[in-house]
Amino acid sequence: MAKIECEIEEIEIENDHEIDVPGVRATCGECGHETESYGTGDASRKRCLVLLREECPEDGKNFYVEVGE
């Protein structure tokens, strides 16, 4: 298991009602896979990092952290 640094950026995400709402996007520092979550707080940021682990296209079970943590 490796520690992978990821870039997290604040974005606008279209919700089910086609309205743009604040969100975050995490991008894997190794393969570039991206995940998104509604909200911009710590919980949303952490959710993106957990999703990266769950959705890893290379089936890696890495530990994902925000750049600078």
PDB file of N, CA and C in Angstrom:
ATOM      1  N   MET A   1       0.848  -1.167   0.000  1.00  0.00           N
ATOM      2  CA  MET A   1       0.000   0.000   0.000  1.00  0.00           C
ATOM      3  C   MET A   1       0.899   1.237   0.000  1.00  0.00           C
ATOM      4  N   ALA A   2       0.592   2.152  -0.883  1.00  0.00           N
ATOM      5  CA  ALA A   2       1.381   3.369  -1.027  1.00  0.00           C
ATOM      6  C   ALA A   2       0.558   4.592  -0.621  1.00  0.00           C
ATOM      7  N   LYS A   3       1.245   5.640  -0.221  1.00  0.00           N
ATOM      8  CA  LYS A   3       0.607   6.919   0.073  1.00  0.00           C
ATOM      9  C   LYS A   3       0.658   7.755  -1.197  1.00  0.00           C
ATOM     10  N   ILE A   4      -0.509   8.120  -1.716  1.00  0.00           N
ATOM     11  CA  ILE A   4      -0.608   8.853  -2.974  1.00  0.00           C
ATOM     12  C   ILE A   4      -1.146  10.251  -2.697  1.00  0.00           C
ATOM     13  N   GLU A   5      -0.413  11.276  -3.131  1.00  0.00           N
ATOM     14  CA  GLU A   5      -0.884  12.650  -2.992  1.00  0.00           C
ATOM     15  C   GLU A   5      -1.823  12.992  -4.135  1.00  0.00           C
ATOM     16  N   CYS A   6      -2.903  13.702  -3.807  1.00  0.00           N
ATOM     17  CA  CYS A   6      -3.934  14.050  -4.787  1.00  0.00           C
ATOM     18  C   CYS A   6      -4.222  15.540  -4.743  1.00  0.00           C
ATOM     19  N   GLU A   7      -4.464  16.094  -5.891  1.00  0.00           N
ATOM     20  CA  GLU A   7      -4.887  17.489  -5.991  1.00  0.00           C
ATOM     21  C   GLU A   7      -6.388  17.537  -5.733  1.00  0.00           C
ATOM     22  N   ILE A   8      -6.836  18.494  -4.922  1.00  0.00           N
ATOM     23  CA  ILE A   8      -8.261  18.699  -4.709  1.00  0.00           C
ATOM     24  C   ILE A   8      -8.583  20.131  -5.087  1.00  0.00           C
ATOM     25  N   GLU A   9      -9.604  20.280  -5.937  1.00  0.00           N
ATOM     26  CA  GLU A   9      -9.999  21.614  -6.384  1.00  0.00           C
ATOM     27  C   GLU A   9     -11.492  21.814  -6.169  1.00  0.00           C
ATOM     28  N   GLU A  10     -11.868  23.047  -5.893  1.00  0.00           N
ATOM     29  CA  GLU A  10     -13.278  23.382  -5.758  1.00  0.00           C
ATOM     30  C   GLU A  10     -13.850  23.624  -7.144  1.00  0.00           C
ATOM     31  N   ILE A  11     -15.043  23.034  -7.376  1.00  0.00           N
ATOM     32  CA  ILE A  11     -15.693  23.105  -8.682  1.00  0.00           C
ATOM     33  C   ILE A  11     -17.188  23.339  -8.498  1.00  0.00           C
ATOM     34  N   GLU A  12     -17.898  23.464  -9.592  1.00  0.00           N
ATOM     35  CA  GLU A  12     -19.353  23.481  -9.607  1.00  0.00           C
ATOM     36  C   GLU A  12     -19.807  22.154 -10.213  1.00  0.00           C
ATOM     37  N   ILE A  13     -20.746  21.467  -9.529  1.00  0.00           N
ATOM     38  CA  ILE A  13     -21.262  20.179  -9.991  1.00  0.00           C
ATOM     39  C   ILE A  13     -22.754  20.341 -10.256  1.00  0.00           C
ATOM     40  N   GLU A  14     -23.215  19.824 -11.395  1.00  0.00           N
ATOM     41  CA  GLU A  14     -24.636  19.877 -11.702  1.00  0.00           C
ATOM     42  C   GLU A  14     -25.359  18.794 -10.913  1.00  0.00           C
ATOM     43  N   ASN A  15     -26.406  19.184 -10.149  1.00  0.00           N
ATOM     44  CA  ASN A  15     -27.142  18.196  -9.372  1.00  0.00           C
ATOM     45  C   ASN A  15     -28.276  17.593 -10.201  1.00  0.00           C
ATOM     46  N   ASP A  16     -29.120  16.786  -9.563  1.00  0.00           N
ATOM     47  CA  ASP A  16     -30.214  16.103 -10.259  1.00  0.00           C
ATOM     48  C   ASP A  16     -31.236  17.060 -10.858  1.00  0.00           C
ATOM     49  N   HIS A  17     -31.284  18.280 -10.349  1.00  0.00           N
ATOM     50  CA  HIS A  17     -32.234  19.284 -10.840  1.00  0.00           C
ATOM     51  C   HIS A  17     -31.582  20.229 -11.850  1.00  0.00           C
ATOM     52  N   GLU A  18     -30.419  19.829 -12.350  1.00  0.00           N
ATOM     53  CA  GLU A  18     -29.662  20.589 -13.346  1.00  0.00           C
ATOM     54  C   GLU A  18     -29.278  21.981 -12.842  1.00  0.00           C
ATOM     55  N   ILE A  19     -28.995  22.067 -11.556  1.00  0.00           N
ATOM     56  CA  ILE A  19     -28.541  23.312 -10.936  1.00  0.00           C
ATOM     57  C   ILE A  19     -27.098  23.103 -10.495  1.00  0.00           C
ATOM     58  N   ASP A  20     -26.235  24.069 -10.798  1.00  0.00           N
ATOM     59  CA  ASP A  20     -24.840  23.981 -10.370  1.00  0.00           C
ATOM     60  C   ASP A  20     -24.735  24.276  -8.878  1.00  0.00           C
ATOM     61  N   VAL A  21     -24.045  23.379  -8.158  1.00  0.00           N
ATOM     62  CA  VAL A  21     -23.829  23.539  -6.729  1.00  0.00           C
ATOM     63  C   VAL A  21     -22.341  23.388  -6.440  1.00  0.00           C
ATOM     64  N   PRO A  22     -21.855  23.955  -5.329  1.00  0.00           N
ATOM     65  CA  PRO A  22     -20.434  23.837  -4.993  1.00  0.00           C
ATOM     66  C   PRO A  22     -20.050  22.384  -4.702  1.00  0.00           C
ATOM     67  N   GLY A  23     -18.856  22.036  -5.135  1.00  0.00           N
ATOM     68  CA  GLY A  23     -18.334  20.702  -4.887  1.00  0.00           C
ATOM     69  C   GLY A  23     -16.826  20.689  -4.970  1.00  0.00           C
ATOM     70  N   VAL A  24     -16.259  19.487  -4.854  1.00  0.00           N
ATOM     71  CA  VAL A  24     -14.817  19.302  -4.968  1.00  0.00           C
ATOM     72  C   VAL A  24     -14.514  18.129  -5.893  1.00  0.00           C
ATOM     73  N   ARG A  25     -13.340  18.198  -6.497  1.00  0.00           N
ATOM     74  CA  ARG A  25     -12.847  17.115  -7.358  1.00  0.00           C
ATOM     75  C   ARG A  25     -11.447  16.744  -6.886  1.00  0.00           C
ATOM     76  N   ALA A  26     -11.228  15.444  -6.679  1.00  0.00           N
ATOM     77  CA  ALA A  26      -9.897  14.937  -6.319  1.00  0.00           C
ATOM     78  C   ALA A  26      -9.330  14.211  -7.529  1.00  0.00           C
ATOM     79  N   THR A  27      -8.053  14.453  -7.810  1.00  0.00           N
ATOM     80  CA  THR A  27      -7.374  13.816  -8.924  1.00  0.00           C
ATOM     81  C   THR A  27      -6.181  13.040  -8.398  1.00  0.00           C
ATOM     82  N   CYS A  28      -6.131  11.738  -8.726  1.00  0.00           N
ATOM     83  CA  CYS A  28      -5.044  10.874  -8.284  1.00  0.00           C
ATOM     84  C   CYS A  28      -3.722  11.349  -8.869  1.00  0.00           C
ATOM     85  N   GLY A  29      -2.711  11.459  -8.019  1.00  0.00           N
ATOM     86  CA  GLY A  29      -1.388  11.894  -8.447  1.00  0.00           C
ATOM     87  C   GLY A  29      -0.636  10.835  -9.249  1.00  0.00           C
ATOM     88  N   GLU A  30      -1.126   9.609  -9.264  1.00  0.00           N
ATOM     89  CA  GLU A  30      -0.468   8.530 -10.001  1.00  0.00           C
ATOM     90  C   GLU A  30      -1.083   8.311 -11.383  1.00  0.00           C
ATOM     91  N   CYS A  31      -2.403   8.092 -11.433  1.00  0.00           N
ATOM     92  CA  CYS A  31      -3.029   7.706 -12.705  1.00  0.00           C
ATOM     93  C   CYS A  31      -3.960   8.762 -13.282  1.00  0.00           C
ATOM     94  N   GLY A  32      -4.305   9.805 -12.493  1.00  0.00           N
ATOM     95  CA  GLY A  32      -5.172  10.866 -12.992  1.00  0.00           C
ATOM     96  C   GLY A  32      -6.660  10.592 -12.841  1.00  0.00           C
ATOM     97  N   HIS A  33      -7.038   9.450 -12.235  1.00  0.00           N
ATOM     98  CA  HIS A  33      -8.459   9.157 -12.005  1.00  0.00           C
ATOM     99  C   HIS A  33      -9.054  10.258 -11.140  1.00  0.00           C
ATOM    100  N   GLU A  34     -10.322  10.628 -11.406  1.00  0.00           N
ATOM    101  CA  GLU A  34     -10.963  11.719 -10.683  1.00  0.00           C
ATOM    102  C   GLU A  34     -12.239  11.245  -9.999  1.00  0.00           C
ATOM    103  N   THR A  35     -12.527  11.856  -8.837  1.00  0.00           N
ATOM    104  CA  THR A  35     -13.794  11.660  -8.153  1.00  0.00           C
ATOM    105  C   THR A  35     -14.334  13.021  -7.764  1.00  0.00           C
ATOM    106  N   GLU A  36     -15.663  13.110  -7.598  1.00  0.00           N
ATOM    107  CA  GLU A  36     -16.300  14.371  -7.246  1.00  0.00           C
ATOM    108  C   GLU A  36     -17.275  14.150  -6.096  1.00  0.00           C
ATOM    109  N   SER A  37     -17.459  15.196  -5.279  1.00  0.00           N
ATOM    110  CA  SER A  37     -18.420  15.175  -4.186  1.00  0.00           C
ATOM    111  C   SER A  37     -19.055  16.542  -4.060  1.00  0.00           C
ATOM    112  N   TYR A  38     -20.321  16.555  -3.659  1.00  0.00           N
ATOM    113  CA  TYR A  38     -20.996  17.807  -3.363  1.00  0.00           C
ATOM    114  C   TYR A  38     -20.429  18.381  -2.075  1.00  0.00           C
ATOM    115  N   GLY A  39     -20.400  19.702  -1.968  1.00  0.00           N
ATOM    116  CA  GLY A  39     -19.896  20.378  -0.780  1.00  0.00           C
ATOM    117  C   GLY A  39     -18.412  20.664  -0.901  1.00  0.00           C
ATOM    118  N   THR A  40     -17.935  21.570  -0.060  1.00  0.00           N
ATOM    119  CA  THR A  40     -16.521  21.960  -0.128  1.00  0.00           C
ATOM    120  C   THR A  40     -15.798  21.782   1.193  1.00  0.00           C
ATOM    121  N   GLY A  41     -16.478  21.236   2.193  1.00  0.00           N
ATOM    122  CA  GLY A  41     -15.882  21.066   3.512  1.00  0.00           C
ATOM    123  C   GLY A  41     -14.975  19.848   3.602  1.00  0.00           C
ATOM    124  N   ASP A  42     -14.445  19.645   4.811  1.00  0.00           N
ATOM    125  CA  ASP A  42     -13.529  18.526   5.052  1.00  0.00           C
ATOM    126  C   ASP A  42     -14.166  17.179   4.729  1.00  0.00           C
ATOM    127  N   ALA A  43     -15.440  16.990   5.074  1.00  0.00           N
ATOM    128  CA  ALA A  43     -16.106  15.715   4.822  1.00  0.00           C
ATOM    129  C   ALA A  43     -16.169  15.415   3.321  1.00  0.00           C
ATOM    130  N   SER A  44     -16.435  16.418   2.513  1.00  0.00           N
ATOM    131  CA  SER A  44     -16.500  16.233   1.058  1.00  0.00           C
ATOM    132  C   SER A  44     -15.126  15.904   0.486  1.00  0.00           C
ATOM    133  N   ARG A  45     -14.104  16.563   0.996  1.00  0.00           N
ATOM    134  CA  ARG A  45     -12.733  16.314   0.550  1.00  0.00           C
ATOM    135  C   ARG A  45     -12.320  14.878   0.894  1.00  0.00           C
ATOM    136  N   LYS A  46     -12.619  14.464   2.129  1.00  0.00           N
ATOM    137  CA  LYS A  46     -12.277  13.108   2.558  1.00  0.00           C
ATOM    138  C   LYS A  46     -13.066  12.065   1.770  1.00  0.00           C
ATOM    139  N   ARG A  47     -14.335  12.359   1.463  1.00  0.00           N
ATOM    140  CA  ARG A  47     -15.141  11.430   0.675  1.00  0.00           C
ATOM    141  C   ARG A  47     -14.502  11.192  -0.690  1.00  0.00           C
ATOM    142  N   CYS A  48     -14.022  12.240  -1.328  1.00  0.00           N
ATOM    143  CA  CYS A  48     -13.354  12.088  -2.626  1.00  0.00           C
ATOM    144  C   CYS A  48     -12.140  11.171  -2.515  1.00  0.00           C
ATOM    145  N   LEU A  49     -11.372  11.323  -1.445  1.00  0.00           N
ATOM    146  CA  LEU A  49     -10.181  10.492  -1.267  1.00  0.00           C
ATOM    147  C   LEU A  49     -10.555   9.033  -1.033  1.00  0.00           C
ATOM    148  N   VAL A  50     -11.630   8.798  -0.286  1.00  0.00           N
ATOM    149  CA  VAL A  50     -12.107   7.424  -0.066  1.00  0.00           C
ATOM    150  C   VAL A  50     -12.597   6.834  -1.379  1.00  0.00           C
ATOM    151  N   LEU A  51     -13.321   7.626  -2.173  1.00  0.00           N
ATOM    152  CA  LEU A  51     -13.807   7.145  -3.460  1.00  0.00           C
ATOM    153  C   LEU A  51     -12.654   6.780  -4.400  1.00  0.00           C
ATOM    154  N   LEU A  52     -11.566   7.525  -4.332  1.00  0.00           N
ATOM    155  CA  LEU A  52     -10.408   7.181  -5.164  1.00  0.00           C
ATOM    156  C   LEU A  52      -9.919   5.770  -4.836  1.00  0.00           C
ATOM    157  N   ARG A  53      -9.885   5.450  -3.559  1.00  0.00           N
ATOM    158  CA  ARG A  53      -9.454   4.111  -3.146  1.00  0.00           C
ATOM    159  C   ARG A  53     -10.429   3.046  -3.653  1.00  0.00           C
ATOM    160  N   GLU A  54     -11.732   3.316  -3.505  1.00  0.00           N
ATOM    161  CA  GLU A  54     -12.755   2.350  -3.904  1.00  0.00           C
ATOM    162  C   GLU A  54     -12.838   2.169  -5.413  1.00  0.00           C
ATOM    163  N   GLU A  55     -12.592   3.245  -6.168  1.00  0.00           N
ATOM    164  CA  GLU A  55     -12.772   3.217  -7.617  1.00  0.00           C
ATOM    165  C   GLU A  55     -11.479   3.064  -8.407  1.00  0.00           C
ATOM    166  N   CYS A  56     -10.368   2.850  -7.748  1.00  0.00           N
ATOM    167  CA  CYS A  56      -9.073   2.804  -8.437  1.00  0.00           C
ATOM    168  C   CYS A  56      -9.137   1.892  -9.657  1.00  0.00           C
ATOM    169  N   PRO A  57      -8.893   2.435 -10.867  1.00  0.00           N
ATOM    170  CA  PRO A  57      -8.964   1.617 -12.077  1.00  0.00           C
ATOM    171  C   PRO A  57      -7.854   0.566 -12.147  1.00  0.00           C
ATOM    172  N   GLU A  58      -6.813   0.738 -11.338  1.00  0.00           N
ATOM    173  CA  GLU A  58      -5.711  -0.224 -11.329  1.00  0.00           C
ATOM    174  C   GLU A  58      -5.826  -1.176 -10.141  1.00  0.00           C
ATOM    175  N   ASP A  59      -6.987  -1.139  -9.465  1.00  0.00           N
ATOM    176  CA  ASP A  59      -7.291  -2.006  -8.328  1.00  0.00           C
ATOM    177  C   ASP A  59      -6.263  -1.889  -7.209  1.00  0.00           C
ATOM    178  N   GLY A  60      -5.670  -0.709  -7.080  1.00  0.00           N
ATOM    179  CA  GLY A  60      -4.715  -0.482  -6.000  1.00  0.00           C
ATOM    180  C   GLY A  60      -5.443  -0.096  -4.732  1.00  0.00           C
ATOM    181  N   LYS A  61      -5.011  -0.576  -3.617  1.00  0.00           N
ATOM    182  CA  LYS A  61      -5.613  -0.213  -2.329  1.00  0.00           C
ATOM    183  C   LYS A  61      -4.659   0.731  -1.619  1.00  0.00           C
ATOM    184  N   ASN A  62      -4.485   1.900  -2.217  1.00  0.00           N
ATOM    185  CA  ASN A  62      -3.548   2.886  -1.705  1.00  0.00           C
ATOM    186  C   ASN A  62      -4.203   3.779  -0.665  1.00  0.00           C
ATOM    187  N   PHE A  63      -3.396   4.587  -0.020  1.00  0.00           N
ATOM    188  CA  PHE A  63      -3.852   5.570   0.949  1.00  0.00           C
ATOM    189  C   PHE A  63      -3.726   6.929   0.272  1.00  0.00           C
ATOM    190  N   TYR A  64      -4.866   7.593   0.041  1.00  0.00           N
ATOM    191  CA  TYR A  64      -4.875   8.844  -0.690  1.00  0.00           C
ATOM    192  C   TYR A  64      -4.964  10.024   0.275  1.00  0.00           C
ATOM    193  N   VAL A  65      -4.122  11.034   0.047  1.00  0.00           N
ATOM    194  CA  VAL A  65      -4.100  12.233   0.881  1.00  0.00           C
ATOM    195  C   VAL A  65      -4.066  13.463  -0.015  1.00  0.00           C
ATOM    196  N   GLU A  66      -4.558  14.561   0.518  1.00  0.00           N
ATOM    197  CA  GLU A  66      -4.503  15.826  -0.213  1.00  0.00           C
ATOM    198  C   GLU A  66      -3.071  16.327  -0.231  1.00  0.00           C
ATOM    199  N   VAL A  67      -2.638  16.911  -1.331  1.00  0.00           N
ATOM    200  CA  VAL A  67      -1.291  17.472  -1.443  1.00  0.00           C
ATOM    201  C   VAL A  67      -1.078  18.436  -0.288  1.00  0.00           C
ATOM    202  N   GLY A  68       0.038  18.289   0.399  1.00  0.00           N
ATOM    203  CA  GLY A  68       0.351  19.169   1.497  1.00  0.00           C
ATOM    204  C   GLY A  68      -0.047  18.657   2.869  1.00  0.00           C
ATOM    205  N   GLU A  69      -0.736  17.534   2.924  1.00  0.00           N
ATOM    206  CA  GLU A  69      -1.124  16.953   4.237  1.00  0.00           C
ATOM    207  C   GLU A  69       0.027  16.214   4.838  1.00  0.00           C
TER     208      GLU A  69
END
